[in-house]
Amino acid sequence: MPVIETSGLTKVYRTYRKERGLWGSIKGLVKRRYDETRAADQVSFNIEEGEFVGFLGPNGAGKTTVLKMLSGLLNPTSGEARVLGFVPWERRNEMKRQFSLLMGQKNARW
């Protein structure tokens, strides 16, 4: 049984796109336009107990977003995930006792 399993994990951010100038601001009060940014798109993998894995990709590929979803810090837009048999974004105490995520710059951790 996999320790971590994901299936179609996706996170989409919607951001407001403001048109330039005063007239653009006024139009934005009536009708807003949004851009969608896919931080993670259909991520699927399984990690078995005892496996060592690397999570590699270019800047903006969604690596941190996927890790945050697996730790329960972010809710996905769609898809499913299980970590240690728990659904991460439910943030159950039993899971939080067994799972941790340390993020940040190496110098900040010292």
PDB file of N, CA and C in Angstrom:
ATOM      1  N   MET A   1       0.839  -1.189   0.000  1.00  0.00           N
ATOM      2  CA  MET A   1       0.000   0.000   0.000  1.00  0.00           C
ATOM      3  C   MET A   1       0.885   1.254   0.000  1.00  0.00           C
ATOM      4  N   PRO A   2       0.644   2.203  -0.909  1.00  0.00           N
ATOM      5  CA  PRO A   2       1.466   3.421  -0.964  1.00  0.00           C
ATOM      6  C   PRO A   2       1.289   4.297   0.286  1.00  0.00           C
ATOM      7  N   VAL A   3       2.388   4.918   0.695  1.00  0.00           N
ATOM      8  CA  VAL A   3       2.343   5.858   1.810  1.00  0.00           C
ATOM      9  C   VAL A   3       1.772   7.187   1.344  1.00  0.00           C
ATOM     10  N   ILE A   4       2.154   7.596   0.132  1.00  0.00           N
ATOM     11  CA  ILE A   4       1.618   8.818  -0.479  1.00  0.00           C
ATOM     12  C   ILE A   4       1.097   8.450  -1.857  1.00  0.00           C
ATOM     13  N   GLU A   5      -0.151   8.788  -2.130  1.00  0.00           N
ATOM     14  CA  GLU A   5      -0.706   8.537  -3.462  1.00  0.00           C
ATOM     15  C   GLU A   5      -1.540   9.739  -3.892  1.00  0.00           C
ATOM     16  N   THR A   6      -1.329  10.147  -5.132  1.00  0.00           N
ATOM     17  CA  THR A   6      -2.095  11.262  -5.685  1.00  0.00           C
ATOM     18  C   THR A   6      -2.679  10.838  -7.022  1.00  0.00           C
ATOM     19  N   SER A   7      -3.802  11.424  -7.346  1.00  0.00           N
ATOM     20  CA  SER A   7      -4.455  11.118  -8.612  1.00  0.00           C
ATOM     21  C   SER A   7      -5.104  12.388  -9.155  1.00  0.00           C
ATOM     22  N   GLY A   8      -4.561  12.926 -10.227  1.00  0.00           N
ATOM     23  CA  GLY A   8      -5.133  14.099 -10.886  1.00  0.00           C
ATOM     24  C   GLY A   8      -5.141  15.354 -10.039  1.00  0.00           C
ATOM     25  N   LEU A   9      -4.162  15.502  -9.162  1.00  0.00           N
ATOM     26  CA  LEU A   9      -4.115  16.655  -8.263  1.00  0.00           C
ATOM     27  C   LEU A   9      -3.889  17.935  -9.065  1.00  0.00           C
ATOM     28  N   THR A  10      -4.786  18.900  -8.915  1.00  0.00           N
ATOM     29  CA  THR A  10      -4.730  20.150  -9.675  1.00  0.00           C
ATOM     30  C   THR A  10      -5.020  21.323  -8.756  1.00  0.00           C
ATOM     31  N   LYS A  11      -4.274  22.408  -8.928  1.00  0.00           N
ATOM     32  CA  LYS A  11      -4.525  23.650  -8.205  1.00  0.00           C
ATOM     33  C   LYS A  11      -4.530  24.787  -9.213  1.00  0.00           C
ATOM     34  N   VAL A  12      -5.655  25.515  -9.267  1.00  0.00           N
ATOM     35  CA  VAL A  12      -5.815  26.646 -10.184  1.00  0.00           C
ATOM     36  C   VAL A  12      -6.050  27.898  -9.345  1.00  0.00           C
ATOM     37  N   TYR A  13      -5.252  28.919  -9.600  1.00  0.00           N
ATOM     38  CA  TYR A  13      -5.429  30.215  -8.938  1.00  0.00           C
ATOM     39  C   TYR A  13      -6.117  31.168  -9.905  1.00  0.00           C
ATOM     40  N   ARG A  14      -7.133  31.871  -9.415  1.00  0.00           N
ATOM     41  CA  ARG A  14      -7.802  32.915 -10.208  1.00  0.00           C
ATOM     42  C   ARG A  14      -7.337  34.271  -9.730  1.00  0.00           C
ATOM     43  N   THR A  15      -6.820  35.082 -10.633  1.00  0.00           N
ATOM     44  CA  THR A  15      -6.374  36.424 -10.275  1.00  0.00           C
ATOM     45  C   THR A  15      -7.110  37.452 -11.123  1.00  0.00           C
ATOM     46  N   TYR A  16      -7.456  38.536 -10.499  1.00  0.00           N
ATOM     47  CA  TYR A  16      -8.162  39.631 -11.161  1.00  0.00           C
ATOM     48  C   TYR A  16      -7.210  40.349 -12.106  1.00  0.00           C
ATOM     49  N   ARG A  17      -7.653  40.587 -13.338  1.00  0.00           N
ATOM     50  CA  ARG A  17      -6.855  41.307 -14.327  1.00  0.00           C
ATOM     51  C   ARG A  17      -7.462  42.691 -14.513  1.00  0.00           C
ATOM     52  N   LYS A  18      -6.779  43.709 -14.012  1.00  0.00           N
ATOM     53  CA  LYS A  18      -7.256  45.086 -14.084  1.00  0.00           C
ATOM     54  C   LYS A  18      -6.774  45.725 -15.379  1.00  0.00           C
ATOM     55  N   GLU A  19      -7.690  46.405 -16.035  1.00  0.00           N
ATOM     56  CA  GLU A  19      -7.302  47.157 -17.227  1.00  0.00           C
ATOM     57  C   GLU A  19      -6.648  48.462 -16.791  1.00  0.00           C
ATOM     58  N   ARG A  20      -5.841  49.032 -17.668  1.00  0.00           N
ATOM     59  CA  ARG A  20      -5.080  50.227 -17.320  1.00  0.00           C
ATOM     60  C   ARG A  20      -5.953  51.471 -17.283  1.00  0.00           C
ATOM     61  N   GLY A  21      -5.544  52.402 -16.441  1.00  0.00           N
ATOM     62  CA  GLY A  21      -6.154  53.721 -16.393  1.00  0.00           C
ATOM     63  C   GLY A  21      -7.402  53.802 -15.530  1.00  0.00           C
ATOM     64  N   LEU A  22      -7.916  55.031 -15.414  1.00  0.00           N
ATOM     65  CA  LEU A  22      -9.104  55.290 -14.602  1.00  0.00           C
ATOM     66  C   LEU A  22     -10.325  54.600 -15.192  1.00  0.00           C
ATOM     67  N   TRP A  23     -10.480  54.651 -16.502  1.00  0.00           N
ATOM     68  CA  TRP A  23     -11.630  54.017 -17.149  1.00  0.00           C
ATOM     69  C   TRP A  23     -11.599  52.493 -16.937  1.00  0.00           C
ATOM     70  N   GLY A  24     -10.409  51.906 -16.963  1.00  0.00           N
ATOM     71  CA  GLY A  24     -10.271  50.477 -16.702  1.00  0.00           C
ATOM     72  C   GLY A  24     -10.679  50.120 -15.287  1.00  0.00           C
ATOM     73  N   SER A  25     -10.367  51.002 -14.327  1.00  0.00           N
ATOM     74  CA  SER A  25     -10.775  50.773 -12.938  1.00  0.00           C
ATOM     75  C   SER A  25     -12.288  50.828 -12.791  1.00  0.00           C
ATOM     76  N   ILE A  26     -12.913  51.768 -13.467  1.00  0.00           N
ATOM     77  CA  ILE A  26     -14.375  51.897 -13.392  1.00  0.00           C
ATOM     78  C   ILE A  26     -15.045  50.689 -14.029  1.00  0.00           C
ATOM     79  N   LYS A  27     -14.537  50.262 -15.188  1.00  0.00           N
ATOM     80  CA  LYS A  27     -15.099  49.072 -15.840  1.00  0.00           C
ATOM     81  C   LYS A  27     -14.935  47.839 -14.967  1.00  0.00           C
ATOM     82  N   GLY A  28     -13.844  47.793 -14.213  1.00  0.00           N
ATOM     83  CA  GLY A  28     -13.582  46.653 -13.339  1.00  0.00           C
ATOM     84  C   GLY A  28     -14.578  46.533 -12.198  1.00  0.00           C
ATOM     85  N   LEU A  29     -15.229  47.646 -11.849  1.00  0.00           N
ATOM     86  CA  LEU A  29     -16.260  47.594 -10.803  1.00  0.00           C
ATOM     87  C   LEU A  29     -17.508  46.882 -11.296  1.00  0.00           C
ATOM     88  N   VAL A  30     -17.772  46.959 -12.596  1.00  0.00           N
ATOM     89  CA  VAL A  30     -18.978  46.367 -13.171  1.00  0.00           C
ATOM     90  C   VAL A  30     -18.728  44.941 -13.641  1.00  0.00           C
ATOM     91  N   LYS A  31     -17.674  44.778 -14.410  1.00  0.00           N
ATOM     92  CA  LYS A  31     -17.384  43.452 -14.958  1.00  0.00           C
ATOM     93  C   LYS A  31     -15.904  43.154 -14.792  1.00  0.00           C
ATOM     94  N   ARG A  32     -15.621  42.117 -14.023  1.00  0.00           N
ATOM     95  CA  ARG A  32     -14.227  41.761 -13.753  1.00  0.00           C
ATOM     96  C   ARG A  32     -13.761  40.667 -14.694  1.00  0.00           C
ATOM     97  N   ARG A  33     -12.515  40.756 -15.056  1.00  0.00           N
ATOM     98  CA  ARG A  33     -11.895  39.719 -15.874  1.00  0.00           C
ATOM     99  C   ARG A  33     -10.853  39.007 -15.016  1.00  0.00           C
ATOM    100  N   TYR A  34     -10.804  37.710 -15.143  1.00  0.00           N
ATOM    101  CA  TYR A  34      -9.888  36.918 -14.346  1.00  0.00           C
ATOM    102  C   TYR A  34      -8.966  36.109 -15.249  1.00  0.00           C
ATOM    103  N   ASP A  35      -7.760  35.921 -14.777  1.00  0.00           N
ATOM    104  CA  ASP A  35      -6.807  35.016 -15.416  1.00  0.00           C
ATOM    105  C   ASP A  35      -6.694  33.793 -14.523  1.00  0.00           C
ATOM    106  N   GLU A  36      -6.576  32.627 -15.140  1.00  0.00           N
ATOM    107  CA  GLU A  36      -6.372  31.404 -14.386  1.00  0.00           C
ATOM    108  C   GLU A  36      -4.938  30.942 -14.560  1.00  0.00           C
ATOM    109  N   THR A  37      -4.296  30.641 -13.439  1.00  0.00           N
ATOM    110  CA  THR A  37      -2.937  30.135 -13.449  1.00  0.00           C
ATOM    111  C   THR A  37      -2.959  28.738 -12.851  1.00  0.00           C
ATOM    112  N   ARG A  38      -2.484  27.766 -13.613  1.00  0.00           N
ATOM    113  CA  ARG A  38      -2.433  26.391 -13.118  1.00  0.00           C
ATOM    114  C   ARG A  38      -1.078  26.165 -12.452  1.00  0.00           C
ATOM    115  N   ALA A  39      -1.108  26.068 -11.132  1.00  0.00           N
ATOM    116  CA  ALA A  39       0.130  25.843 -10.396  1.00  0.00           C
ATOM    117  C   ALA A  39       0.534  24.376 -10.445  1.00  0.00           C
ATOM    118  N   ALA A  40      -0.430  23.489 -10.427  1.00  0.00           N
ATOM    119  CA  ALA A  40      -0.200  22.051 -10.574  1.00  0.00           C
ATOM    120  C   ALA A  40      -1.332  21.533 -11.445  1.00  0.00           C
ATOM    121  N   ASP A  41      -0.997  20.713 -12.418  1.00  0.00           N
ATOM    122  CA  ASP A  41      -2.012  20.262 -13.374  1.00  0.00           C
ATOM    123  C   ASP A  41      -1.958  18.747 -13.536  1.00  0.00           C
ATOM    124  N   GLN A  42      -2.948  18.057 -12.998  1.00  0.00           N
ATOM    125  CA  GLN A  42      -3.098  16.607 -13.150  1.00  0.00           C
ATOM    126  C   GLN A  42      -1.865  15.840 -12.667  1.00  0.00           C
ATOM    127  N   VAL A  43      -1.426  16.115 -11.443  1.00  0.00           N
ATOM    128  CA  VAL A  43      -0.264  15.434 -10.871  1.00  0.00           C
ATOM    129  C   VAL A  43      -0.710  14.095 -10.280  1.00  0.00           C
ATOM    130  N   SER A  44      -0.074  13.013 -10.714  1.00  0.00           N
ATOM    131  CA  SER A  44      -0.400  11.681 -10.220  1.00  0.00           C
ATOM    132  C   SER A  44       0.886  10.906  -9.963  1.00  0.00           C
ATOM    133  N   PHE A  45       1.013  10.324  -8.779  1.00  0.00           N
ATOM    134  CA  PHE A  45       2.139   9.453  -8.463  1.00  0.00           C
ATOM    135  C   PHE A  45       1.834   8.680  -7.186  1.00  0.00           C
ATOM    136  N   ASN A  46       2.597   7.618  -6.961  1.00  0.00           N
ATOM    137  CA  ASN A  46       2.519   6.817  -5.741  1.00  0.00           C
ATOM    138  C   ASN A  46       3.917   6.673  -5.176  1.00  0.00           C
ATOM    139  N   ILE A  47       4.048   6.768  -3.867  1.00  0.00           N
ATOM    140  CA  ILE A  47       5.326   6.572  -3.187  1.00  0.00           C
ATOM    141  C   ILE A  47       5.120   5.488  -2.138  1.00  0.00           C
ATOM    142  N   GLU A  48       5.885   4.428  -2.253  1.00  0.00           N
ATOM    143  CA  GLU A  48       5.797   3.312  -1.324  1.00  0.00           C
ATOM    144  C   GLU A  48       6.656   3.584  -0.093  1.00  0.00           C
ATOM    145  N   GLU A  49       6.380   2.869   0.977  1.00  0.00           N
ATOM    146  CA  GLU A  49       7.150   3.016   2.201  1.00  0.00           C
ATOM    147  C   GLU A  49       8.604   2.636   1.930  1.00  0.00           C
ATOM    148  N   GLY A  50       9.535   3.457   2.412  1.00  0.00           N
ATOM    149  CA  GLY A  50      10.961   3.200   2.246  1.00  0.00           C
ATOM    150  C   GLY A  50      11.565   3.763   0.980  1.00  0.00           C
ATOM    151  N   GLU A  51      10.767   4.265   0.064  1.00  0.00           N
ATOM    152  CA  GLU A  51      11.297   4.849  -1.174  1.00  0.00           C
ATOM    153  C   GLU A  51      11.870   6.232  -0.917  1.00  0.00           C
ATOM    154  N   PHE A  52      12.947   6.550  -1.614  1.00  0.00           N
ATOM    155  CA  PHE A  52      13.501   7.897  -1.624  1.00  0.00           C
ATOM    156  C   PHE A  52      13.183   8.494  -2.983  1.00  0.00           C
ATOM    157  N   VAL A  53      12.613   9.686  -2.995  1.00  0.00           N
ATOM    158  CA  VAL A  53      12.245  10.323  -4.256  1.00  0.00           C
ATOM    159  C   VAL A  53      12.751  11.761  -4.275  1.00  0.00           C
ATOM    160  N   GLY A  54      12.929  12.282  -5.469  1.00  0.00           N
ATOM    161  CA  GLY A  54      13.276  13.690  -5.663  1.00  0.00           C
ATOM    162  C   GLY A  54      12.138  14.374  -6.398  1.00  0.00           C
ATOM    163  N   PHE A  55      11.914  15.608  -6.073  1.00  0.00           N
ATOM    164  CA  PHE A  55      10.834  16.379  -6.679  1.00  0.00           C
ATOM    165  C   PHE A  55      11.489  17.525  -7.430  1.00  0.00           C
ATOM    166  N   LEU A  56      11.733  17.333  -8.718  1.00  0.00           N
ATOM    167  CA  LEU A  56      12.505  18.284  -9.508  1.00  0.00           C
ATOM    168  C   LEU A  56      11.646  18.933 -10.573  1.00  0.00           C
ATOM    169  N   GLY A  57      11.996  20.166 -10.925  1.00  0.00           N
ATOM    170  CA  GLY A  57      11.310  20.877 -11.989  1.00  0.00           C
ATOM    171  C   GLY A  57      11.740  22.332 -12.002  1.00  0.00           C
ATOM    172  N   PRO A  58      11.442  23.032 -13.091  1.00  0.00           N
ATOM    173  CA  PRO A  58      11.835  24.441 -13.191  1.00  0.00           C
ATOM    174  C   PRO A  58      11.012  25.318 -12.241  1.00  0.00           C
ATOM    175  N   ASN A  59      11.470  26.539 -12.060  1.00  0.00           N
ATOM    176  CA  ASN A  59      10.720  27.497 -11.244  1.00  0.00           C
ATOM    177  C   ASN A  59       9.320  27.667 -11.813  1.00  0.00           C
ATOM    178  N   GLY A  60       8.330  27.659 -10.931  1.00  0.00           N
ATOM    179  CA  GLY A  60       6.950  27.833 -11.362  1.00  0.00           C
ATOM    180  C   GLY A  60       6.274  26.562 -11.825  1.00  0.00           C
ATOM    181  N   ALA A  61       6.918  25.420 -11.647  1.00  0.00           N
ATOM    182  CA  ALA A  61       6.347  24.151 -12.115  1.00  0.00           C
ATOM    183  C   ALA A  61       5.284  23.599 -11.175  1.00  0.00           C
ATOM    184  N   GLY A  62       5.214  24.096  -9.943  1.00  0.00           N
ATOM    185  CA  GLY A  62       4.196  23.640  -9.010  1.00  0.00           C
ATOM    186  C   GLY A  62       4.700  22.687  -7.946  1.00  0.00           C
ATOM    187  N   LYS A  63       6.012  22.573  -7.783  1.00  0.00           N
ATOM    188  CA  LYS A  63       6.574  21.654  -6.787  1.00  0.00           C
ATOM    189  C   LYS A  63       6.119  22.023  -5.377  1.00  0.00           C
ATOM    190  N   THR A  64       6.279  23.267  -4.998  1.00  0.00           N
ATOM    191  CA  THR A  64       5.894  23.709  -3.662  1.00  0.00           C
ATOM    192  C   THR A  64       4.387  23.618  -3.470  1.00  0.00           C
ATOM    193  N   THR A  65       3.628  23.919  -4.489  1.00  0.00           N
ATOM    194  CA  THR A  65       2.175  23.836  -4.398  1.00  0.00           C
ATOM    195  C   THR A  65       1.734  22.406  -4.118  1.00  0.00           C
ATOM    196  N   VAL A  66       2.328  21.436  -4.799  1.00  0.00           N
ATOM    197  CA  VAL A  66       1.976  20.031  -4.567  1.00  0.00           C
ATOM    198  C   VAL A  66       2.350  19.633  -3.143  1.00  0.00           C
ATOM    199  N   LEU A  67       3.531  20.038  -2.673  1.00  0.00           N
ATOM    200  CA  LEU A  67       3.934  19.709  -1.307  1.00  0.00           C
ATOM    201  C   LEU A  67       2.996  20.334  -0.281  1.00  0.00           C
ATOM    202  N   LYS A  68       2.553  21.547  -0.534  1.00  0.00           N
ATOM    203  CA  LYS A  68       1.602  22.189   0.384  1.00  0.00           C
ATOM    204  C   LYS A  68       0.257  21.476   0.378  1.00  0.00           C
ATOM    205  N   MET A  69      -0.166  20.985  -0.785  1.00  0.00           N
ATOM    206  CA  MET A  69      -1.414  20.227  -0.834  1.00  0.00           C
ATOM    207  C   MET A  69      -1.265  18.901  -0.086  1.00  0.00           C
ATOM    208  N   LEU A  70      -0.110  18.249  -0.221  1.00  0.00           N
ATOM    209  CA  LEU A  70       0.109  16.981   0.466  1.00  0.00           C
ATOM    210  C   LEU A  70       0.228  17.149   1.978  1.00  0.00           C
ATOM    211  N   SER A  71       0.629  18.331   2.428  1.00  0.00           N
ATOM    212  CA  SER A  71       0.727  18.578   3.865  1.00  0.00           C
ATOM    213  C   SER A  71      -0.570  19.133   4.440  1.00  0.00           C
ATOM    214  N   GLY A  72      -1.517  19.496   3.577  1.00  0.00           N
ATOM    215  CA  GLY A  72      -2.792  20.014   4.055  1.00  0.00           C
ATOM    216  C   GLY A  72      -2.850  21.518   4.190  1.00  0.00           C
ATOM    217  N   LEU A  73      -1.800  22.222   3.771  1.00  0.00           N
ATOM    218  CA  LEU A  73      -1.808  23.686   3.864  1.00  0.00           C
ATOM    219  C   LEU A  73      -2.658  24.330   2.783  1.00  0.00           C
ATOM    220  N   LEU A  74      -2.815  23.655   1.636  1.00  0.00           N
ATOM    221  CA  LEU A  74      -3.647  24.145   0.537  1.00  0.00           C
ATOM    222  C   LEU A  74      -4.681  23.087   0.165  1.00  0.00           C
ATOM    223  N   ASN A  75      -5.854  23.540  -0.215  1.00  0.00           N
ATOM    224  CA  ASN A  75      -6.867  22.645  -0.760  1.00  0.00           C
ATOM    225  C   ASN A  75      -6.730  22.626  -2.274  1.00  0.00           C
ATOM    226  N   PRO A  76      -6.769  21.445  -2.881  1.00  0.00           N
ATOM    227  CA  PRO A  76      -6.665  21.383  -4.341  1.00  0.00           C
ATOM    228  C   PRO A  76      -7.960  21.815  -5.007  1.00  0.00           C
ATOM    229  N   THR A  77      -7.862  22.269  -6.249  1.00  0.00           N
ATOM    230  CA  THR A  77      -9.036  22.590  -7.044  1.00  0.00           C
ATOM    231  C   THR A  77      -9.752  21.309  -7.447  1.00  0.00           C
ATOM    232  N   SER A  78      -8.975  20.286  -7.797  1.00  0.00           N
ATOM    233  CA  SER A  78      -9.557  18.982  -8.132  1.00  0.00           C
ATOM    234  C   SER A  78      -8.505  17.910  -7.894  1.00  0.00           C
ATOM    235  N   GLY A  79      -8.939  16.670  -7.913  1.00  0.00           N
ATOM    236  CA  GLY A  79      -8.040  15.550  -7.719  1.00  0.00           C
ATOM    237  C   GLY A  79      -8.146  14.985  -6.316  1.00  0.00           C
ATOM    238  N   GLU A  80      -7.412  13.914  -6.109  1.00  0.00           N
ATOM    239  CA  GLU A  80      -7.435  13.216  -4.825  1.00  0.00           C
ATOM    240  C   GLU A  80      -6.021  12.942  -4.360  1.00  0.00           C
ATOM    241  N   ALA A  81      -5.849  12.881  -3.042  1.00  0.00           N
ATOM    242  CA  ALA A  81      -4.555  12.526  -2.472  1.00  0.00           C
ATOM    243  C   ALA A  81      -4.784  11.832  -1.134  1.00  0.00           C
ATOM    244  N   ARG A  82      -3.878  10.935  -0.824  1.00  0.00           N
ATOM    245  CA  ARG A  82      -3.866  10.275   0.473  1.00  0.00           C
ATOM    246  C   ARG A  82      -2.425  10.234   0.954  1.00  0.00           C
ATOM    247  N   VAL A  83      -2.241  10.642   2.205  1.00  0.00           N
ATOM    248  CA  VAL A  83      -0.936  10.602   2.845  1.00  0.00           C
ATOM    249  C   VAL A  83      -1.098   9.822   4.131  1.00  0.00           C
ATOM    250  N   LEU A  84      -0.392   8.713   4.247  1.00  0.00           N
ATOM    251  CA  LEU A  84      -0.489   7.833   5.421  1.00  0.00           C
ATOM    252  C   LEU A  84      -1.927   7.372   5.652  1.00  0.00           C
ATOM    253  N   GLY A  85      -2.697   7.283   4.576  1.00  0.00           N
ATOM    254  CA  GLY A  85      -4.087   6.843   4.675  1.00  0.00           C
ATOM    255  C   GLY A  85      -5.075   7.954   4.973  1.00  0.00           C
ATOM    256  N   PHE A  86      -4.604   9.187   5.112  1.00  0.00           N
ATOM    257  CA  PHE A  86      -5.462  10.329   5.437  1.00  0.00           C
ATOM    258  C   PHE A  86      -5.605  11.248   4.230  1.00  0.00           C
ATOM    259  N   VAL A  87      -6.700  11.970   4.160  1.00  0.00           N
ATOM    260  CA  VAL A  87      -6.875  13.038   3.175  1.00  0.00           C
ATOM    261  C   VAL A  87      -6.260  14.292   3.801  1.00  0.00           C
ATOM    262  N   PRO A  88      -5.171  14.829   3.229  1.00  0.00           N
ATOM    263  CA  PRO A  88      -4.394  15.882   3.894  1.00  0.00           C
ATOM    264  C   PRO A  88      -5.176  17.136   4.269  1.00  0.00           C
ATOM    265  N   TRP A  89      -6.043  17.629   3.389  1.00  0.00           N
ATOM    266  CA  TRP A  89      -6.708  18.910   3.648  1.00  0.00           C
ATOM    267  C   TRP A  89      -7.807  18.793   4.679  1.00  0.00           C
ATOM    268  N   GLU A  90      -8.088  17.594   5.177  1.00  0.00           N
ATOM    269  CA  GLU A  90      -9.007  17.455   6.315  1.00  0.00           C
ATOM    270  C   GLU A  90      -8.309  17.818   7.616  1.00  0.00           C
ATOM    271  N   ARG A  91      -6.962  17.821   7.612  1.00  0.00           N
ATOM    272  CA  ARG A  91      -6.126  18.265   8.735  1.00  0.00           C
ATOM    273  C   ARG A  91      -6.465  17.546  10.038  1.00  0.00           C
ATOM    274  N   ARG A  92      -6.618  16.236   9.975  1.00  0.00           N
ATOM    275  CA  ARG A  92      -6.916  15.459  11.187  1.00  0.00           C
ATOM    276  C   ARG A  92      -5.685  15.393  12.082  1.00  0.00           C
ATOM    277  N   ASN A  93      -5.913  15.416  13.384  1.00  0.00           N
ATOM    278  CA  ASN A  93      -4.811  15.401  14.349  1.00  0.00           C
ATOM    279  C   ASN A  93      -3.947  14.151  14.216  1.00  0.00           C
ATOM    280  N   GLU A  94      -4.559  13.017  13.893  1.00  0.00           N
ATOM    281  CA  GLU A  94      -3.795  11.779  13.753  1.00  0.00           C
ATOM    282  C   GLU A  94      -2.743  11.906  12.649  1.00  0.00           C
ATOM    283  N   MET A  95      -3.098  12.572  11.570  1.00  0.00           N
ATOM    284  CA  MET A  95      -2.128  12.766  10.485  1.00  0.00           C
ATOM    285  C   MET A  95      -1.060  13.776  10.886  1.00  0.00           C
ATOM    286  N   LYS A  96      -1.462  14.853  11.524  1.00  0.00           N
ATOM    287  CA  LYS A  96      -0.506  15.896  11.898  1.00  0.00           C
ATOM    288  C   LYS A  96       0.548  15.379  12.871  1.00  0.00           C
ATOM    289  N   ARG A  97       0.227  14.355  13.630  1.00  0.00           N
ATOM    290  CA  ARG A  97       1.202  13.769  14.543  1.00  0.00           C
ATOM    291  C   ARG A  97       2.266  12.955  13.804  1.00  0.00           C
ATOM    292  N   GLN A  98       1.969  12.504  12.595  1.00  0.00           N
ATOM    293  CA  GLN A  98       2.867  11.628  11.853  1.00  0.00           C
ATOM    294  C   GLN A  98       3.567  12.303  10.681  1.00  0.00           C
ATOM    295  N   PHE A  99       3.138  13.481  10.283  1.00  0.00           N
ATOM    296  CA  PHE A  99       3.613  14.102   9.050  1.00  0.00           C
ATOM    297  C   PHE A  99       4.056  15.526   9.344  1.00  0.00           C
ATOM    298  N   SER A 100       5.193  15.920   8.789  1.00  0.00           N
ATOM    299  CA  SER A 100       5.628  17.309   8.937  1.00  0.00           C
ATOM    300  C   SER A 100       6.271  17.770   7.634  1.00  0.00           C
ATOM    301  N   LEU A 101       6.303  19.073   7.453  1.00  0.00           N
ATOM    302  CA  LEU A 101       6.895  19.675   6.266  1.00  0.00           C
ATOM    303  C   LEU A 101       7.707  20.881   6.712  1.00  0.00           C
ATOM    304  N   LEU A 102       8.978  20.894   6.363  1.00  0.00           N
ATOM    305  CA  LEU A 102       9.861  22.001   6.700  1.00  0.00           C
ATOM    306  C   LEU A 102      10.229  22.697   5.409  1.00  0.00           C
ATOM    307  N   MET A 103       9.886  23.978   5.315  1.00  0.00           N
ATOM    308  CA  MET A 103      10.159  24.732   4.098  1.00  0.00           C
ATOM    309  C   MET A 103      10.928  25.998   4.456  1.00  0.00           C
ATOM    310  N   GLY A 104      11.615  26.546   3.469  1.00  0.00           N
ATOM    311  CA  GLY A 104      12.316  27.805   3.679  1.00  0.00           C
ATOM    312  C   GLY A 104      13.746  27.716   3.185  1.00  0.00           C
ATOM    313  N   GLN A 105      14.427  28.832   3.247  1.00  0.00           N
ATOM    314  CA  GLN A 105      15.825  28.898   2.840  1.00  0.00           C
ATOM    315  C   GLN A 105      16.684  28.180   3.869  1.00  0.00           C
ATOM    316  N   LYS A 106      17.762  27.588   3.404  1.00  0.00           N
ATOM    317  CA  LYS A 106      18.644  26.849   4.292  1.00  0.00           C
ATOM    318  C   LYS A 106      19.166  27.738   5.426  1.00  0.00           C
ATOM    319  N   ASN A 107      19.529  28.968   5.125  1.00  0.00           N
ATOM    320  CA  ASN A 107      20.053  29.874   6.138  1.00  0.00           C
ATOM    321  C   ASN A 107      19.003  30.218   7.186  1.00  0.00           C
ATOM    322  N   ALA A 108      17.735  30.289   6.803  1.00  0.00           N
ATOM    323  CA  ALA A 108      16.679  30.637   7.745  1.00  0.00           C
ATOM    324  C   ALA A 108      16.431  29.502   8.745  1.00  0.00           C
ATOM    325  N   ARG A 109      16.751  28.271   8.376  1.00  0.00           N
ATOM    326  CA  ARG A 109      16.523  27.129   9.270  1.00  0.00           C
ATOM    327  C   ARG A 109      17.541  27.081  10.387  1.00  0.00           C
ATOM    328  N   TRP A 110      18.733  27.643  10.194  1.00  0.00           N
ATOM    329  CA  TRP A 110      19.754  27.609  11.242  1.00  0.00           C
ATOM    330  C   TRP A 110      19.306  28.466  12.367  1.00  0.00           C
TER     331      TRP A 110
END
